[in-house]
Amino acid sequence: MAANPTVINARMNEIASSWTTVVIITIANVPQILAGMIVLYLYWDLDHACDLEHVNKWKIWSVLCIVRMAIYTVLIAYIQQYRAYLQDNPERYQKLVSLRNTIEAFALIWFVVGNMWLFGDDDDTCIHPHDSHIYNLCFSYLIIMYLQICAPCILAILLIPVFCFCLPCFIRVLARLHDSRRTQVRGRISICTNANSI
């Protein structure tokens, strides 16, 4: 079944098609990937802050976070780099969009799993998890994910004063500019009609 070209063109203009977005995602993900690789390399066998079950959960969670971020970053960059090629091959683009959506869904599920594994255990076997470098890595990943998920809400709350106090002023300025342009056009029309009548 052939895809609708209008829908594909609309999707090509989505958030994944902007180089700015690629740069922002790269700036957000690459330091996390590097930090995760360094922490896991240095403390993979040296982390004895808690029992082996907890430490293994943290290791698995952080490794899959790193892999997810790396694949997502490369995928978004690929979509942008080969945009012209993908416009000519809508089926391939649809597969890449499906892969991107799958990665985003996995990220959300993995976020919930990370919350359960880091904060949901009622065990007394891990009294001081903050002594673990891998736990701190996972904790920082979760904080960054919380910020990414809550960013639109935070932005909306920060813009409430702008919309409440500055927006009416902005609308009035636009209305006056619009009226002054209309007056200028009317003046030009009357000058032209007066010149034609002479």
N, C-alpha and C. Protein backbone atom coordinates (compact mmCIF):
# COMPACT_ATOMS: atom_id res chain seq x y z
N MET A 1 0.84 -1.17 0.00
CA MET A 1 0.00 0.00 0.00
C MET A 1 0.89 1.23 0.00
N ALA A 2 0.67 2.12 -0.96
CA ALA A 2 1.49 3.32 -1.09
C ALA A 2 1.06 4.35 -0.06
N ALA A 3 2.04 5.04 0.46
CA ALA A 3 1.76 6.05 1.47
C ALA A 3 1.34 7.36 0.81
N ASN A 4 0.55 8.13 1.49
CA ASN A 4 0.08 9.41 0.99
C ASN A 4 1.24 10.40 1.00
N PRO A 5 1.59 10.99 -0.18
CA PRO A 5 2.73 11.91 -0.22
C PRO A 5 2.54 13.15 0.65
N THR A 6 1.30 13.61 0.78
CA THR A 6 1.05 14.79 1.61
C THR A 6 1.37 14.50 3.07
N VAL A 7 0.98 13.33 3.53
CA VAL A 7 1.26 12.94 4.91
C VAL A 7 2.77 12.80 5.11
N ILE A 8 3.43 12.22 4.13
CA ILE A 8 4.88 12.03 4.24
C ILE A 8 5.59 13.37 4.26
N ASN A 9 5.16 14.30 3.40
CA ASN A 9 5.78 15.63 3.40
C ASN A 9 5.54 16.35 4.72
N ALA A 10 4.36 16.17 5.29
CA ALA A 10 4.09 16.79 6.58
C ALA A 10 4.97 16.19 7.66
N ARG A 11 5.16 14.88 7.59
CA ARG A 11 6.00 14.22 8.59
C ARG A 11 7.47 14.57 8.40
N MET A 12 7.86 14.87 7.18
CA MET A 12 9.26 15.24 6.94
C MET A 12 9.59 16.56 7.63
N ASN A 13 8.57 17.37 7.87
CA ASN A 13 8.79 18.65 8.53
C ASN A 13 8.62 18.55 10.04
N GLU A 14 8.57 17.34 10.54
CA GLU A 14 8.46 17.12 11.98
C GLU A 14 9.73 17.57 12.69
N ILE A 15 9.73 17.37 13.97
CA ILE A 15 10.85 17.78 14.80
C ILE A 15 12.16 17.09 14.41
N ALA A 16 12.09 15.89 13.88
CA ALA A 16 13.31 15.16 13.54
C ALA A 16 13.98 15.69 12.28
N SER A 17 13.36 16.62 11.58
CA SER A 17 13.92 17.08 10.32
C SER A 17 14.75 18.35 10.48
N SER A 18 14.95 18.82 11.65
CA SER A 18 15.66 20.07 11.86
C SER A 18 17.07 19.81 12.36
N TRP A 19 18.03 20.50 11.77
CA TRP A 19 19.42 20.37 12.24
C TRP A 19 19.55 20.92 13.65
N THR A 20 18.74 21.91 13.99
CA THR A 20 18.78 22.45 15.35
C THR A 20 18.42 21.36 16.35
N THR A 21 17.42 20.58 16.01
CA THR A 21 17.03 19.48 16.88
C THR A 21 18.13 18.45 17.00
N VAL A 22 18.80 18.16 15.88
CA VAL A 22 19.91 17.20 15.91
C VAL A 22 21.00 17.71 16.85
N VAL A 23 21.31 18.99 16.76
CA VAL A 23 22.35 19.56 17.62
C VAL A 23 21.93 19.50 19.09
N ILE A 24 20.68 19.84 19.38
CA ILE A 24 20.20 19.81 20.76
C ILE A 24 20.23 18.38 21.31
N ILE A 25 19.77 17.42 20.52
CA ILE A 25 19.78 16.02 20.97
C ILE A 25 21.21 15.54 21.17
N THR A 26 22.10 15.93 20.27
CA THR A 26 23.50 15.53 20.40
C THR A 26 24.13 16.14 21.65
N ILE A 27 23.86 17.42 21.89
CA ILE A 27 24.41 18.08 23.08
C ILE A 27 23.85 17.45 24.35
N ALA A 28 22.60 17.03 24.32
CA ALA A 28 22.00 16.41 25.50
C ALA A 28 22.47 14.98 25.71
N ASN A 29 22.63 14.22 24.63
CA ASN A 29 22.90 12.78 24.78
C ASN A 29 24.37 12.40 24.83
N VAL A 30 25.21 13.05 24.04
CA VAL A 30 26.62 12.62 23.98
C VAL A 30 27.32 12.73 25.33
N PRO A 31 27.18 13.83 26.09
CA PRO A 31 27.82 13.84 27.42
C PRO A 31 27.30 12.74 28.34
N GLN A 32 26.00 12.43 28.26
CA GLN A 32 25.46 11.35 29.08
C GLN A 32 26.04 10.00 28.67
N ILE A 33 26.17 9.81 27.37
CA ILE A 33 26.74 8.55 26.87
C ILE A 33 28.18 8.41 27.34
N LEU A 34 28.96 9.47 27.17
CA LEU A 34 30.37 9.43 27.58
C LEU A 34 30.51 9.22 29.09
N ALA A 35 29.72 9.96 29.86
CA ALA A 35 29.78 9.81 31.32
C ALA A 35 29.40 8.39 31.74
N GLY A 36 28.37 7.85 31.11
CA GLY A 36 27.96 6.49 31.43
C GLY A 36 29.03 5.47 31.10
N MET A 37 29.65 5.62 29.93
CA MET A 37 30.70 4.68 29.54
C MET A 37 31.89 4.76 30.49
N ILE A 38 32.25 5.97 30.90
CA ILE A 38 33.39 6.14 31.81
C ILE A 38 33.08 5.55 33.18
N VAL A 39 31.91 5.88 33.73
CA VAL A 39 31.55 5.38 35.06
C VAL A 39 31.45 3.85 35.05
N LEU A 40 30.81 3.31 34.04
CA LEU A 40 30.67 1.85 33.98
C LEU A 40 32.01 1.17 33.78
N TYR A 41 32.88 1.76 32.99
CA TYR A 41 34.21 1.18 32.78
C TYR A 41 35.02 1.19 34.07
N LEU A 42 34.97 2.31 34.79
CA LEU A 42 35.79 2.44 36.00
C LEU A 42 35.24 1.64 37.18
N TYR A 43 33.93 1.53 37.30
CA TYR A 43 33.34 0.95 38.51
C TYR A 43 32.52 -0.31 38.25
N TRP A 44 32.68 -0.95 37.12
CA TRP A 44 31.88 -2.14 36.81
C TRP A 44 32.07 -3.24 37.86
N ASP A 45 33.30 -3.52 38.22
CA ASP A 45 33.57 -4.59 39.20
C ASP A 45 33.87 -4.06 40.60
N LEU A 46 33.98 -2.75 40.75
CA LEU A 46 34.37 -2.18 42.04
C LEU A 46 33.19 -1.67 42.86
N ASP A 47 32.00 -1.83 42.35
CA ASP A 47 30.83 -1.26 43.01
C ASP A 47 30.25 -2.29 43.98
N HIS A 48 30.51 -2.10 45.28
CA HIS A 48 30.02 -3.02 46.30
C HIS A 48 29.21 -2.28 47.36
N ALA A 49 28.55 -1.18 46.97
CA ALA A 49 27.78 -0.40 47.93
C ALA A 49 26.53 -1.14 48.38
N CYS A 50 26.01 -2.01 47.52
CA CYS A 50 24.80 -2.77 47.84
C CYS A 50 24.99 -4.22 47.41
N ASP A 51 23.93 -4.98 47.60
CA ASP A 51 24.00 -6.39 47.20
C ASP A 51 24.06 -6.51 45.68
N LEU A 52 24.42 -7.68 45.22
CA LEU A 52 24.66 -7.92 43.80
C LEU A 52 23.40 -7.73 42.96
N GLU A 53 22.24 -8.07 43.51
CA GLU A 53 20.98 -7.92 42.77
C GLU A 53 20.72 -6.46 42.40
N HIS A 54 20.86 -5.56 43.37
CA HIS A 54 20.64 -4.14 43.10
C HIS A 54 21.67 -3.60 42.11
N VAL A 55 22.91 -3.92 42.33
CA VAL A 55 23.98 -3.41 41.46
C VAL A 55 23.78 -3.90 40.04
N ASN A 56 23.38 -5.15 39.87
CA ASN A 56 23.15 -5.67 38.52
C ASN A 56 21.98 -4.98 37.83
N LYS A 57 20.92 -4.68 38.58
CA LYS A 57 19.79 -3.93 38.01
C LYS A 57 20.26 -2.56 37.54
N TRP A 58 21.07 -1.89 38.36
CA TRP A 58 21.56 -0.56 37.97
C TRP A 58 22.45 -0.64 36.74
N LYS A 59 23.28 -1.68 36.68
CA LYS A 59 24.16 -1.85 35.51
C LYS A 59 23.34 -2.08 34.24
N ILE A 60 22.37 -2.97 34.32
CA ILE A 60 21.53 -3.26 33.15
C ILE A 60 20.79 -2.01 32.72
N TRP A 61 20.21 -1.30 33.69
CA TRP A 61 19.43 -0.11 33.36
C TRP A 61 20.31 0.96 32.70
N SER A 62 21.48 1.20 33.25
CA SER A 62 22.35 2.24 32.69
C SER A 62 22.90 1.85 31.32
N VAL A 63 23.26 0.58 31.13
CA VAL A 63 23.77 0.14 29.83
C VAL A 63 22.70 0.31 28.76
N LEU A 64 21.47 -0.10 29.05
CA LEU A 64 20.41 0.05 28.06
C LEU A 64 20.04 1.51 27.82
N CYS A 65 20.19 2.36 28.82
CA CYS A 65 19.99 3.80 28.61
C CYS A 65 21.04 4.35 27.64
N ILE A 66 22.27 3.94 27.84
CA ILE A 66 23.36 4.41 26.97
C ILE A 66 23.12 3.94 25.53
N VAL A 67 22.77 2.68 25.37
CA VAL A 67 22.51 2.13 24.02
C VAL A 67 21.34 2.86 23.37
N ARG A 68 20.27 3.08 24.13
CA ARG A 68 19.10 3.78 23.59
C ARG A 68 19.45 5.19 23.14
N MET A 69 20.18 5.93 23.98
CA MET A 69 20.55 7.30 23.61
C MET A 69 21.45 7.32 22.38
N ALA A 70 22.37 6.38 22.29
CA ALA A 70 23.28 6.34 21.14
C ALA A 70 22.51 6.03 19.86
N ILE A 71 21.64 5.04 19.89
CA ILE A 71 20.86 4.69 18.70
C ILE A 71 19.95 5.84 18.30
N TYR A 72 19.30 6.46 19.27
CA TYR A 72 18.38 7.57 18.98
C TYR A 72 19.13 8.75 18.36
N THR A 73 20.29 9.09 18.90
CA THR A 73 21.06 10.20 18.36
C THR A 73 21.50 9.93 16.93
N VAL A 74 22.00 8.74 16.68
CA VAL A 74 22.43 8.37 15.32
C VAL A 74 21.24 8.36 14.37
N LEU A 75 20.11 7.84 14.81
CA LEU A 75 18.93 7.77 13.96
C LEU A 75 18.43 9.15 13.56
N ILE A 76 18.35 10.07 14.52
CA ILE A 76 17.88 11.42 14.22
C ILE A 76 18.86 12.12 13.27
N ALA A 77 20.15 11.95 13.49
CA ALA A 77 21.15 12.54 12.59
C ALA A 77 21.04 11.93 11.19
N TYR A 78 20.81 10.62 11.11
CA TYR A 78 20.67 9.95 9.81
C TYR A 78 19.45 10.49 9.06
N ILE A 79 18.33 10.63 9.75
CA ILE A 79 17.11 11.13 9.12
C ILE A 79 17.35 12.53 8.56
N GLN A 80 18.06 13.36 9.29
CA GLN A 80 18.32 14.72 8.81
C GLN A 80 19.33 14.72 7.67
N GLN A 81 20.38 13.95 7.80
CA GLN A 81 21.44 13.93 6.79
C GLN A 81 20.92 13.44 5.44
N TYR A 82 20.08 12.43 5.45
CA TYR A 82 19.59 11.83 4.21
C TYR A 82 18.13 12.19 3.95
N ARG A 83 17.78 13.40 4.27
CA ARG A 83 16.40 13.87 4.12
C ARG A 83 15.93 13.82 2.67
N ALA A 84 16.77 14.28 1.74
CA ALA A 84 16.38 14.28 0.32
C ALA A 84 16.16 12.85 -0.17
N TYR A 85 17.04 11.96 0.22
CA TYR A 85 16.89 10.54 -0.16
C TYR A 85 15.60 9.96 0.42
N LEU A 86 15.30 10.31 1.66
CA LEU A 86 14.11 9.77 2.31
C LEU A 86 12.83 10.34 1.72
N GLN A 87 12.89 11.56 1.18
CA GLN A 87 11.71 12.12 0.52
C GLN A 87 11.36 11.32 -0.73
N ASP A 88 12.38 10.79 -1.39
CA ASP A 88 12.16 9.98 -2.58
C ASP A 88 11.81 8.54 -2.25
N ASN A 89 12.06 8.11 -1.03
CA ASN A 89 11.79 6.74 -0.58
C ASN A 89 10.91 6.74 0.67
N PRO A 90 9.61 6.98 0.48
CA PRO A 90 8.72 7.12 1.64
C PRO A 90 8.61 5.85 2.49
N GLU A 91 8.76 4.69 1.86
CA GLU A 91 8.65 3.45 2.65
C GLU A 91 9.81 3.33 3.63
N ARG A 92 10.99 3.69 3.18
CA ARG A 92 12.16 3.65 4.08
C ARG A 92 11.99 4.68 5.20
N TYR A 93 11.48 5.85 4.84
CA TYR A 93 11.25 6.88 5.85
C TYR A 93 10.25 6.39 6.90
N GLN A 94 9.20 5.71 6.45
CA GLN A 94 8.21 5.19 7.39
C GLN A 94 8.83 4.18 8.35
N LYS A 95 9.74 3.35 7.83
CA LYS A 95 10.42 2.39 8.70
C LYS A 95 11.29 3.10 9.74
N LEU A 96 11.97 4.17 9.31
CA LEU A 96 12.81 4.92 10.25
C LEU A 96 11.96 5.63 11.30
N VAL A 97 10.82 6.17 10.88
CA VAL A 97 9.91 6.82 11.83
C VAL A 97 9.36 5.78 12.81
N SER A 98 9.04 4.60 12.32
CA SER A 98 8.57 3.53 13.22
C SER A 98 9.65 3.14 14.22
N LEU A 99 10.89 3.05 13.74
CA LEU A 99 12.01 2.74 14.64
C LEU A 99 12.18 3.84 15.68
N ARG A 100 12.10 5.10 15.24
CA ARG A 100 12.22 6.22 16.17
C ARG A 100 11.11 6.18 17.22
N ASN A 101 9.88 5.92 16.78
CA ASN A 101 8.76 5.84 17.72
C ASN A 101 8.92 4.67 18.69
N THR A 102 9.46 3.57 18.20
CA THR A 102 9.71 2.42 19.07
C THR A 102 10.76 2.76 20.12
N ILE A 103 11.81 3.45 19.71
CA ILE A 103 12.85 3.85 20.66
C ILE A 103 12.28 4.81 21.70
N GLU A 104 11.42 5.75 21.27
CA GLU A 104 10.81 6.68 22.22
C GLU A 104 9.88 5.96 23.19
N ALA A 105 9.13 4.97 22.69
CA ALA A 105 8.26 4.19 23.58
C ALA A 105 9.09 3.38 24.57
N PHE A 106 10.18 2.79 24.08
CA PHE A 106 11.08 2.05 24.97
C PHE A 106 11.66 2.98 26.04
N ALA A 107 12.00 4.21 25.65
CA ALA A 107 12.55 5.17 26.61
C ALA A 107 11.56 5.45 27.73
N LEU A 108 10.30 5.59 27.37
CA LEU A 108 9.28 5.86 28.39
C LEU A 108 9.10 4.66 29.32
N ILE A 109 9.04 3.47 28.74
CA ILE A 109 8.91 2.26 29.56
C ILE A 109 10.15 2.08 30.44
N TRP A 110 11.32 2.32 29.87
CA TRP A 110 12.57 2.15 30.61
C TRP A 110 12.69 3.19 31.72
N PHE A 111 12.12 4.36 31.51
CA PHE A 111 12.06 5.39 32.54
C PHE A 111 11.27 4.88 33.75
N VAL A 112 10.14 4.25 33.50
CA VAL A 112 9.32 3.70 34.59
C VAL A 112 10.07 2.57 35.29
N VAL A 113 10.71 1.69 34.51
CA VAL A 113 11.48 0.60 35.09
C VAL A 113 12.61 1.15 35.96
N GLY A 114 13.28 2.18 35.49
CA GLY A 114 14.36 2.80 36.26
C GLY A 114 13.87 3.37 37.58
N ASN A 115 12.70 3.99 37.55
CA ASN A 115 12.12 4.49 38.80
C ASN A 115 11.82 3.36 39.77
N MET A 116 11.30 2.26 39.25
CA MET A 116 10.99 1.12 40.12
C MET A 116 12.27 0.51 40.68
N TRP A 117 13.28 0.34 39.85
CA TRP A 117 14.51 -0.31 40.30
C TRP A 117 15.33 0.57 41.23
N LEU A 118 15.29 1.88 41.03
CA LEU A 118 16.08 2.75 41.89
C LEU A 118 15.35 3.15 43.17
N PHE A 119 14.05 3.41 43.07
CA PHE A 119 13.33 3.95 44.21
C PHE A 119 12.27 3.01 44.78
N GLY A 120 11.93 1.95 44.07
CA GLY A 120 10.81 1.12 44.48
C GLY A 120 11.15 -0.04 45.38
N ASP A 121 12.41 -0.31 45.59
CA ASP A 121 12.77 -1.46 46.44
C ASP A 121 12.60 -1.11 47.91
N ASP A 122 11.91 -1.99 48.63
CA ASP A 122 11.74 -1.81 50.07
C ASP A 122 12.74 -2.64 50.86
N ASP A 123 13.71 -3.17 50.16
CA ASP A 123 14.69 -4.04 50.82
C ASP A 123 15.57 -3.24 51.77
N ASP A 124 15.94 -3.90 52.85
CA ASP A 124 16.89 -3.31 53.79
C ASP A 124 18.31 -3.73 53.46
N THR A 125 18.47 -4.46 52.35
CA THR A 125 19.80 -4.93 51.97
C THR A 125 20.66 -3.83 51.38
N CYS A 126 20.03 -2.77 50.93
CA CYS A 126 20.78 -1.65 50.34
C CYS A 126 20.46 -0.39 51.11
N ILE A 127 21.22 -0.15 52.16
CA ILE A 127 20.94 0.97 53.05
C ILE A 127 21.48 2.28 52.50
N HIS A 128 22.66 2.25 51.89
CA HIS A 128 23.29 3.47 51.37
C HIS A 128 23.57 3.34 49.88
N PRO A 129 22.54 3.42 49.04
CA PRO A 129 22.79 3.27 47.60
C PRO A 129 23.57 4.44 47.02
N HIS A 130 23.53 5.59 47.69
CA HIS A 130 24.23 6.77 47.17
C HIS A 130 25.75 6.62 47.22
N ASP A 131 26.23 5.61 47.89
CA ASP A 131 27.67 5.34 47.89
C ASP A 131 28.12 4.68 46.60
N SER A 132 27.17 4.24 45.79
CA SER A 132 27.48 3.56 44.53
C SER A 132 27.57 4.58 43.40
N HIS A 133 28.64 4.52 42.63
CA HIS A 133 28.80 5.42 41.48
C HIS A 133 27.80 5.07 40.38
N ILE A 134 27.51 3.80 40.23
CA ILE A 134 26.56 3.39 39.20
C ILE A 134 25.15 3.84 39.58
N TYR A 135 24.81 3.76 40.86
CA TYR A 135 23.52 4.27 41.31
C TYR A 135 23.42 5.77 41.04
N ASN A 136 24.47 6.51 41.33
CA ASN A 136 24.46 7.95 41.08
C ASN A 136 24.34 8.26 39.60
N LEU A 137 24.95 7.43 38.75
CA LEU A 137 24.80 7.60 37.31
C LEU A 137 23.33 7.39 36.91
N CYS A 138 22.73 6.32 37.39
CA CYS A 138 21.32 6.06 37.09
C CYS A 138 20.42 7.17 37.62
N PHE A 139 20.72 7.64 38.81
CA PHE A 139 19.95 8.72 39.41
C PHE A 139 20.04 9.98 38.55
N SER A 140 21.23 10.30 38.06
CA SER A 140 21.38 11.49 37.21
C SER A 140 20.65 11.31 35.88
N TYR A 141 20.67 10.09 35.32
CA TYR A 141 19.90 9.83 34.10
C TYR A 141 18.41 10.05 34.34
N LEU A 142 17.91 9.58 35.48
CA LEU A 142 16.50 9.77 35.79
C LEU A 142 16.14 11.24 35.96
N ILE A 143 17.01 12.00 36.62
CA ILE A 143 16.76 13.43 36.79
C ILE A 143 16.68 14.12 35.44
N ILE A 144 17.61 13.79 34.54
CA ILE A 144 17.60 14.38 33.20
C ILE A 144 16.33 13.98 32.45
N MET A 145 15.91 12.73 32.60
CA MET A 145 14.67 12.29 31.95
C MET A 145 13.46 13.03 32.51
N TYR A 146 13.44 13.22 33.83
CA TYR A 146 12.35 14.00 34.44
C TYR A 146 12.32 15.41 33.86
N LEU A 147 13.48 16.03 33.72
CA LEU A 147 13.53 17.38 33.15
C LEU A 147 13.05 17.40 31.71
N GLN A 148 13.42 16.39 30.93
CA GLN A 148 12.98 16.33 29.54
C GLN A 148 11.47 16.11 29.44
N ILE A 149 10.93 15.28 30.29
CA ILE A 149 9.50 15.01 30.26
C ILE A 149 8.71 16.23 30.75
N CYS A 150 9.22 16.89 31.77
CA CYS A 150 8.50 18.01 32.38
C CYS A 150 8.82 19.36 31.74
N ALA A 151 9.74 19.41 30.80
CA ALA A 151 10.15 20.69 30.20
C ALA A 151 8.97 21.47 29.61
N PRO A 152 8.06 20.85 28.86
CA PRO A 152 6.93 21.64 28.34
C PRO A 152 6.07 22.25 29.44
N CYS A 153 5.86 21.50 30.52
CA CYS A 153 5.06 22.04 31.63
C CYS A 153 5.78 23.19 32.32
N ILE A 154 7.08 23.02 32.53
CA ILE A 154 7.87 24.08 33.15
C ILE A 154 7.85 25.33 32.29
N LEU A 155 8.01 25.15 30.98
CA LEU A 155 7.99 26.28 30.05
C LEU A 155 6.64 26.98 30.07
N ALA A 156 5.56 26.20 30.09
CA ALA A 156 4.23 26.79 30.13
C ALA A 156 4.02 27.59 31.42
N ILE A 157 4.49 27.07 32.53
CA ILE A 157 4.36 27.79 33.80
C ILE A 157 5.17 29.08 33.77
N LEU A 158 6.36 29.02 33.20
CA LEU A 158 7.19 30.22 33.12
C LEU A 158 6.61 31.27 32.18
N LEU A 159 5.82 30.85 31.20
CA LEU A 159 5.25 31.80 30.24
C LEU A 159 3.91 32.37 30.69
N ILE A 160 3.37 31.91 31.81
CA ILE A 160 2.10 32.45 32.30
C ILE A 160 2.18 33.96 32.52
N PRO A 161 3.22 34.49 33.16
CA PRO A 161 3.27 35.95 33.30
C PRO A 161 3.32 36.68 31.96
N VAL A 162 4.00 36.10 31.00
CA VAL A 162 4.07 36.74 29.68
C VAL A 162 2.69 36.78 29.05
N PHE A 163 1.96 35.68 29.12
CA PHE A 163 0.64 35.65 28.51
C PHE A 163 -0.36 36.51 29.28
N CYS A 164 -0.23 36.59 30.58
CA CYS A 164 -1.18 37.35 31.38
C CYS A 164 -0.92 38.85 31.33
N PHE A 165 0.35 39.23 31.37
CA PHE A 165 0.66 40.65 31.49
C PHE A 165 1.15 41.29 30.19
N CYS A 166 1.94 40.59 29.43
CA CYS A 166 2.53 41.19 28.24
C CYS A 166 1.72 40.94 26.98
N LEU A 167 0.98 39.86 26.91
CA LEU A 167 0.24 39.54 25.70
C LEU A 167 -0.81 40.59 25.37
N PRO A 168 -1.59 41.09 26.33
CA PRO A 168 -2.55 42.15 25.97
C PRO A 168 -1.86 43.39 25.40
N CYS A 169 -0.71 43.75 25.95
CA CYS A 169 0.02 44.90 25.41
C CYS A 169 0.50 44.61 24.00
N PHE A 170 0.98 43.42 23.77
CA PHE A 170 1.46 43.03 22.44
C PHE A 170 0.31 43.05 21.43
N ILE A 171 -0.86 42.59 21.83
CA ILE A 171 -2.02 42.60 20.94
C ILE A 171 -2.42 44.02 20.61
N ARG A 172 -2.37 44.92 21.58
CA ARG A 172 -2.73 46.32 21.31
C ARG A 172 -1.73 46.97 20.36
N VAL A 173 -0.45 46.68 20.54
CA VAL A 173 0.55 47.23 19.63
C VAL A 173 0.31 46.73 18.22
N LEU A 174 0.03 45.44 18.07
CA LEU A 174 -0.25 44.89 16.74
C LEU A 174 -1.51 45.52 16.14
N ALA A 175 -2.53 45.73 16.96
CA ALA A 175 -3.76 46.35 16.47
C ALA A 175 -3.49 47.77 16.00
N ARG A 176 -2.70 48.52 16.74
CA ARG A 176 -2.38 49.89 16.32
C ARG A 176 -1.54 49.90 15.05
N LEU A 177 -0.59 48.97 14.96
CA LEU A 177 0.19 48.88 13.73
C LEU A 177 -0.71 48.53 12.55
N HIS A 178 -1.63 47.63 12.78
CA HIS A 178 -2.55 47.24 11.72
C HIS A 178 -3.42 48.42 11.31
N ASP A 179 -3.93 49.19 12.28
CA ASP A 179 -4.75 50.36 11.98
C ASP A 179 -3.94 51.43 11.27
N SER A 180 -2.69 51.63 11.67
CA SER A 180 -1.87 52.66 11.01
C SER A 180 -1.57 52.26 9.57
N ARG A 181 -1.38 51.00 9.31
CA ARG A 181 -1.16 50.55 7.93
C ARG A 181 -2.43 50.75 7.10
N ARG A 182 -3.56 50.46 7.70
CA ARG A 182 -4.83 50.65 6.99
C ARG A 182 -5.03 52.14 6.68
N THR A 183 -4.69 53.00 7.62
CA THR A 183 -4.81 54.44 7.41
C THR A 183 -3.88 54.89 6.29
N GLN A 184 -2.65 54.36 6.28
CA GLN A 184 -1.70 54.72 5.23
C GLN A 184 -2.20 54.27 3.87
N VAL A 185 -2.77 53.09 3.79
CA VAL A 185 -3.29 52.58 2.52
C VAL A 185 -4.47 53.43 2.07
N ARG A 186 -5.35 53.79 2.99
CA ARG A 186 -6.50 54.64 2.65
C ARG A 186 -6.02 56.00 2.16
N GLY A 187 -4.98 56.52 2.80
CA GLY A 187 -4.44 57.81 2.37
C GLY A 187 -3.87 57.72 0.97
N ARG A 188 -3.18 56.66 0.65
CA ARG A 188 -2.62 56.48 -0.69
C ARG A 188 -3.72 56.33 -1.72
N ILE A 189 -4.77 55.61 -1.36
CA ILE A 189 -5.89 55.43 -2.29
C ILE A 189 -6.56 56.77 -2.55
N SER A 190 -6.76 57.57 -1.52
CA SER A 190 -7.41 58.87 -1.72
C SER A 190 -6.52 59.80 -2.53
N ILE A 191 -5.20 59.75 -2.36
CA ILE A 191 -4.29 60.57 -3.16
C ILE A 191 -4.36 60.14 -4.62
N CYS A 192 -4.40 58.82 -4.85
CA CYS A 192 -4.48 58.31 -6.22
C CYS A 192 -5.80 58.71 -6.87
N THR A 193 -6.90 58.62 -6.14
CA THR A 193 -8.19 58.98 -6.72
C THR A 193 -8.27 60.47 -6.97
N ASN A 194 -7.68 61.29 -6.10
CA ASN A 194 -7.66 62.74 -6.32
C ASN A 194 -6.81 63.08 -7.53
N ALA A 195 -5.68 62.37 -7.70
CA ALA A 195 -4.81 62.64 -8.85
C ALA A 195 -5.50 62.22 -10.14
N ASN A 196 -6.26 61.15 -10.12
CA ASN A 196 -6.97 60.70 -11.31
C ASN A 196 -8.12 61.63 -11.67
N SER A 197 -8.72 62.25 -10.69
CA SER A 197 -9.84 63.15 -10.97
C SER A 197 -9.37 64.47 -11.57
N ILE A 198 -8.12 64.82 -11.38
CA ILE A 198 -7.60 66.08 -11.94
C ILE A 198 -7.27 65.85 -13.34
